[in-house]
Amino acid sequence: MAPKQYEVVIKLIDNKSPCHSGHKIGDQWVFDYMTPPGMCGLAFNAIYPVALALEFGATFPWQEDPDVLTIACPDAGVSNIFELRRRQK
């Protein structure tokens, strides 16, 4: 039996100051293993392992909703917060 696979949508939902890469709240991308065009590589590096796990059905004990997780960008001066939301393909 093949593992269930989902699509993971990455969306910038909050930040404490303007992003150095020019991201704006509401920007979104679909996870597809490579850094999406226009997305900061540092943010994607932080997001990648979690998005990959979500894509294949993983859950994390701190999630209120098993299909939604938030992740912070490693740039502490900006503090971009990304929502990762999985949905059926």
N, C-alpha and C. Protein backbone atom coordinates (compact mmCIF):
# COMPACT_ATOMS: atom_id res chain seq x y z
N MET A 1 0.84 -1.18 0.00
CA MET A 1 0.00 0.00 0.00
C MET A 1 0.89 1.25 0.00
N ALA A 2 0.64 2.14 -0.93
CA ALA A 2 1.43 3.37 -1.04
C ALA A 2 1.09 4.33 0.11
N PRO A 3 2.08 5.05 0.61
CA PRO A 3 1.78 6.01 1.68
C PRO A 3 0.90 7.13 1.16
N LYS A 4 0.04 7.63 2.02
CA LYS A 4 -0.82 8.75 1.66
C LYS A 4 0.05 9.98 1.49
N GLN A 5 -0.21 10.74 0.45
CA GLN A 5 0.59 11.93 0.19
C GLN A 5 -0.33 13.14 0.07
N TYR A 6 0.09 14.24 0.65
CA TYR A 6 -0.68 15.47 0.68
C TYR A 6 0.07 16.58 -0.04
N GLU A 7 -0.65 17.65 -0.36
CA GLU A 7 -0.02 18.88 -0.84
C GLU A 7 0.14 19.78 0.38
N VAL A 8 1.28 20.45 0.49
CA VAL A 8 1.53 21.36 1.62
C VAL A 8 1.67 22.78 1.07
N VAL A 9 0.84 23.67 1.59
CA VAL A 9 0.87 25.07 1.20
C VAL A 9 1.56 25.86 2.31
N ILE A 10 2.53 26.67 1.93
CA ILE A 10 3.30 27.51 2.85
C ILE A 10 2.78 28.93 2.69
N LYS A 11 2.40 29.56 3.80
CA LYS A 11 1.86 30.93 3.74
C LYS A 11 2.48 31.77 4.85
N LEU A 12 2.93 32.97 4.50
CA LEU A 12 3.45 33.90 5.51
C LEU A 12 2.25 34.54 6.21
N ILE A 13 2.15 34.33 7.52
CA ILE A 13 0.98 34.82 8.26
C ILE A 13 1.29 35.95 9.24
N ASP A 14 2.57 36.17 9.57
CA ASP A 14 2.89 37.22 10.54
C ASP A 14 4.39 37.52 10.49
N ASN A 15 4.76 38.72 10.90
CA ASN A 15 6.16 39.08 11.13
C ASN A 15 6.21 40.31 12.02
N LYS A 16 7.35 40.54 12.64
CA LYS A 16 7.44 41.69 13.54
C LYS A 16 8.08 42.90 12.87
N SER A 17 8.71 42.72 11.71
CA SER A 17 9.25 43.85 10.96
C SER A 17 9.39 43.42 9.49
N PRO A 18 9.57 44.36 8.58
CA PRO A 18 9.64 44.00 7.16
C PRO A 18 10.73 42.96 6.88
N CYS A 19 10.39 42.02 6.03
CA CYS A 19 11.30 40.93 5.67
C CYS A 19 12.41 41.44 4.76
N HIS A 20 13.64 41.00 5.03
CA HIS A 20 14.78 41.39 4.21
C HIS A 20 14.68 40.84 2.78
N SER A 21 13.91 39.77 2.60
CA SER A 21 13.73 39.18 1.28
C SER A 21 12.51 39.73 0.55
N GLY A 22 11.80 40.64 1.20
CA GLY A 22 10.65 41.27 0.56
C GLY A 22 9.34 40.51 0.69
N HIS A 23 9.32 39.44 1.49
CA HIS A 23 8.06 38.71 1.67
C HIS A 23 7.04 39.58 2.38
N LYS A 24 5.80 39.43 1.98
CA LYS A 24 4.68 40.17 2.58
C LYS A 24 3.70 39.18 3.17
N ILE A 25 3.03 39.57 4.25
CA ILE A 25 2.01 38.72 4.84
C ILE A 25 0.99 38.39 3.76
N GLY A 26 0.67 37.11 3.66
CA GLY A 26 -0.25 36.62 2.64
C GLY A 26 0.44 35.91 1.49
N ASP A 27 1.77 36.13 1.32
CA ASP A 27 2.51 35.41 0.28
C ASP A 27 2.39 33.91 0.54
N GLN A 28 2.26 33.14 -0.53
CA GLN A 28 2.20 31.69 -0.35
C GLN A 28 2.84 30.93 -1.49
N TRP A 29 3.25 29.72 -1.16
CA TRP A 29 3.93 28.83 -2.09
C TRP A 29 3.45 27.41 -1.83
N VAL A 30 3.61 26.55 -2.83
CA VAL A 30 3.31 25.13 -2.66
C VAL A 30 4.65 24.41 -2.51
N PHE A 31 4.76 23.58 -1.48
CA PHE A 31 5.97 22.82 -1.22
C PHE A 31 6.18 21.79 -2.33
N ASP A 32 7.39 21.78 -2.90
CA ASP A 32 7.71 20.83 -3.96
C ASP A 32 9.20 20.49 -3.95
N TYR A 33 9.76 20.27 -2.79
CA TYR A 33 11.15 19.82 -2.58
C TYR A 33 12.23 20.85 -2.86
N MET A 34 12.06 21.68 -3.86
CA MET A 34 13.04 22.72 -4.19
C MET A 34 12.53 24.05 -3.65
N THR A 35 13.44 24.97 -3.37
CA THR A 35 13.03 26.29 -2.90
C THR A 35 12.13 26.92 -3.95
N PRO A 36 10.89 27.28 -3.57
CA PRO A 36 9.98 27.89 -4.55
C PRO A 36 10.54 29.21 -5.08
N PRO A 37 10.27 29.52 -6.35
CA PRO A 37 10.74 30.79 -6.90
C PRO A 37 10.28 31.96 -6.03
N GLY A 38 11.23 32.83 -5.70
CA GLY A 38 10.92 34.01 -4.91
C GLY A 38 10.94 33.81 -3.41
N MET A 39 11.10 32.58 -2.94
CA MET A 39 11.12 32.35 -1.49
C MET A 39 12.55 32.36 -0.97
N CYS A 40 12.72 32.98 0.18
CA CYS A 40 14.01 33.05 0.84
C CYS A 40 14.53 31.63 1.14
N GLY A 41 15.77 31.37 0.77
CA GLY A 41 16.37 30.06 1.00
C GLY A 41 16.54 29.73 2.48
N LEU A 42 16.83 30.74 3.31
CA LEU A 42 16.99 30.49 4.74
C LEU A 42 15.66 30.06 5.37
N ALA A 43 14.58 30.73 5.00
CA ALA A 43 13.26 30.35 5.52
C ALA A 43 12.91 28.95 5.03
N PHE A 44 13.14 28.68 3.75
CA PHE A 44 12.81 27.37 3.20
C PHE A 44 13.62 26.28 3.88
N ASN A 45 14.86 26.56 4.22
CA ASN A 45 15.69 25.58 4.92
C ASN A 45 15.08 25.19 6.27
N ALA A 46 14.49 26.15 6.97
CA ALA A 46 13.84 25.86 8.25
C ALA A 46 12.53 25.10 8.05
N ILE A 47 11.82 25.42 6.97
CA ILE A 47 10.51 24.84 6.69
C ILE A 47 10.61 23.42 6.13
N TYR A 48 11.63 23.16 5.33
CA TYR A 48 11.74 21.92 4.56
C TYR A 48 11.45 20.62 5.34
N PRO A 49 12.13 20.35 6.46
CA PRO A 49 11.91 19.05 7.09
C PRO A 49 10.49 18.88 7.62
N VAL A 50 9.89 19.97 8.07
CA VAL A 50 8.53 19.88 8.61
C VAL A 50 7.53 19.72 7.47
N ALA A 51 7.72 20.46 6.38
CA ALA A 51 6.83 20.34 5.23
C ALA A 51 6.90 18.93 4.64
N LEU A 52 8.08 18.37 4.57
CA LEU A 52 8.25 17.02 4.04
C LEU A 52 7.51 16.01 4.93
N ALA A 53 7.64 16.15 6.23
CA ALA A 53 6.94 15.25 7.15
C ALA A 53 5.42 15.39 7.00
N LEU A 54 4.93 16.62 6.93
CA LEU A 54 3.49 16.84 6.75
C LEU A 54 2.99 16.22 5.45
N GLU A 55 3.80 16.34 4.41
CA GLU A 55 3.40 15.81 3.10
C GLU A 55 3.08 14.31 3.16
N PHE A 56 3.77 13.60 4.03
CA PHE A 56 3.57 12.15 4.12
C PHE A 56 2.77 11.74 5.34
N GLY A 57 2.03 12.69 5.93
CA GLY A 57 1.06 12.34 6.97
C GLY A 57 1.52 12.46 8.41
N ALA A 58 2.71 12.98 8.64
CA ALA A 58 3.20 13.10 10.02
C ALA A 58 2.35 14.10 10.81
N THR A 59 2.30 13.89 12.10
CA THR A 59 1.69 14.85 13.02
C THR A 59 2.69 15.11 14.13
N PHE A 60 2.49 16.22 14.81
CA PHE A 60 3.38 16.61 15.90
C PHE A 60 2.51 16.83 17.14
N PRO A 61 2.97 16.43 18.31
CA PRO A 61 2.13 16.46 19.50
C PRO A 61 1.65 17.87 19.91
N TRP A 62 2.33 18.91 19.48
CA TRP A 62 1.94 20.27 19.86
C TRP A 62 0.93 20.90 18.89
N GLN A 63 0.57 20.21 17.82
CA GLN A 63 -0.39 20.73 16.85
C GLN A 63 -1.81 20.64 17.40
N GLU A 64 -2.55 21.75 17.35
CA GLU A 64 -3.96 21.69 17.69
C GLU A 64 -4.75 21.06 16.55
N ASP A 65 -4.37 21.40 15.32
CA ASP A 65 -4.98 20.85 14.11
C ASP A 65 -3.91 20.00 13.44
N PRO A 66 -4.15 18.72 13.19
CA PRO A 66 -3.10 17.87 12.62
C PRO A 66 -2.68 18.26 11.20
N ASP A 67 -3.45 19.13 10.55
CA ASP A 67 -3.13 19.54 9.19
C ASP A 67 -2.50 20.92 9.10
N VAL A 68 -2.26 21.56 10.24
CA VAL A 68 -1.72 22.93 10.24
C VAL A 68 -0.60 23.04 11.27
N LEU A 69 0.50 23.68 10.86
CA LEU A 69 1.63 23.89 11.75
C LEU A 69 2.25 25.24 11.43
N THR A 70 2.77 25.93 12.43
CA THR A 70 3.48 27.18 12.16
C THR A 70 4.95 26.99 12.44
N ILE A 71 5.74 27.73 11.66
CA ILE A 71 7.21 27.65 11.76
C ILE A 71 7.77 29.04 11.62
N ALA A 72 8.79 29.37 12.38
CA ALA A 72 9.41 30.69 12.32
C ALA A 72 10.64 30.68 11.43
N CYS A 73 10.84 31.78 10.75
CA CYS A 73 12.05 32.00 9.98
C CYS A 73 13.23 32.14 10.95
N PRO A 74 14.42 31.72 10.60
CA PRO A 74 15.55 31.85 11.51
C PRO A 74 16.09 33.28 11.65
N ASP A 75 15.60 34.22 10.85
CA ASP A 75 16.04 35.61 10.95
C ASP A 75 15.31 36.27 12.12
N ALA A 76 15.96 36.35 13.26
CA ALA A 76 15.33 36.87 14.48
C ALA A 76 14.94 38.34 14.38
N GLY A 77 15.58 39.08 13.50
CA GLY A 77 15.24 40.49 13.33
C GLY A 77 13.92 40.71 12.62
N VAL A 78 13.47 39.71 11.91
CA VAL A 78 12.23 39.80 11.14
C VAL A 78 11.13 38.98 11.79
N SER A 79 11.47 37.79 12.22
CA SER A 79 10.53 36.85 12.84
C SER A 79 9.32 36.55 11.95
N ASN A 80 9.58 36.20 10.69
CA ASN A 80 8.48 35.74 9.84
C ASN A 80 7.90 34.46 10.41
N ILE A 81 6.58 34.39 10.43
CA ILE A 81 5.89 33.18 10.87
C ILE A 81 5.15 32.61 9.66
N PHE A 82 5.46 31.37 9.35
CA PHE A 82 4.85 30.69 8.22
C PHE A 82 3.87 29.63 8.71
N GLU A 83 2.73 29.56 8.05
CA GLU A 83 1.78 28.49 8.30
C GLU A 83 1.97 27.44 7.23
N LEU A 84 2.07 26.19 7.64
CA LEU A 84 2.12 25.07 6.73
C LEU A 84 0.80 24.35 6.87
N ARG A 85 0.09 24.24 5.76
CA ARG A 85 -1.23 23.60 5.77
C ARG A 85 -1.24 22.50 4.73
N ARG A 86 -1.58 21.29 5.19
CA ARG A 86 -1.65 20.20 4.22
C ARG A 86 -3.10 19.98 3.81
N ARG A 87 -3.23 19.53 2.57
CA ARG A 87 -4.56 19.24 2.05
C ARG A 87 -4.45 18.04 1.10
N GLN A 88 -5.58 17.40 0.91
CA GLN A 88 -5.61 16.24 0.01
C GLN A 88 -5.17 16.65 -1.38
N LYS A 89 -4.41 15.80 -2.04
CA LYS A 89 -4.00 16.05 -3.43
C LYS A 89 -5.14 15.72 -4.35
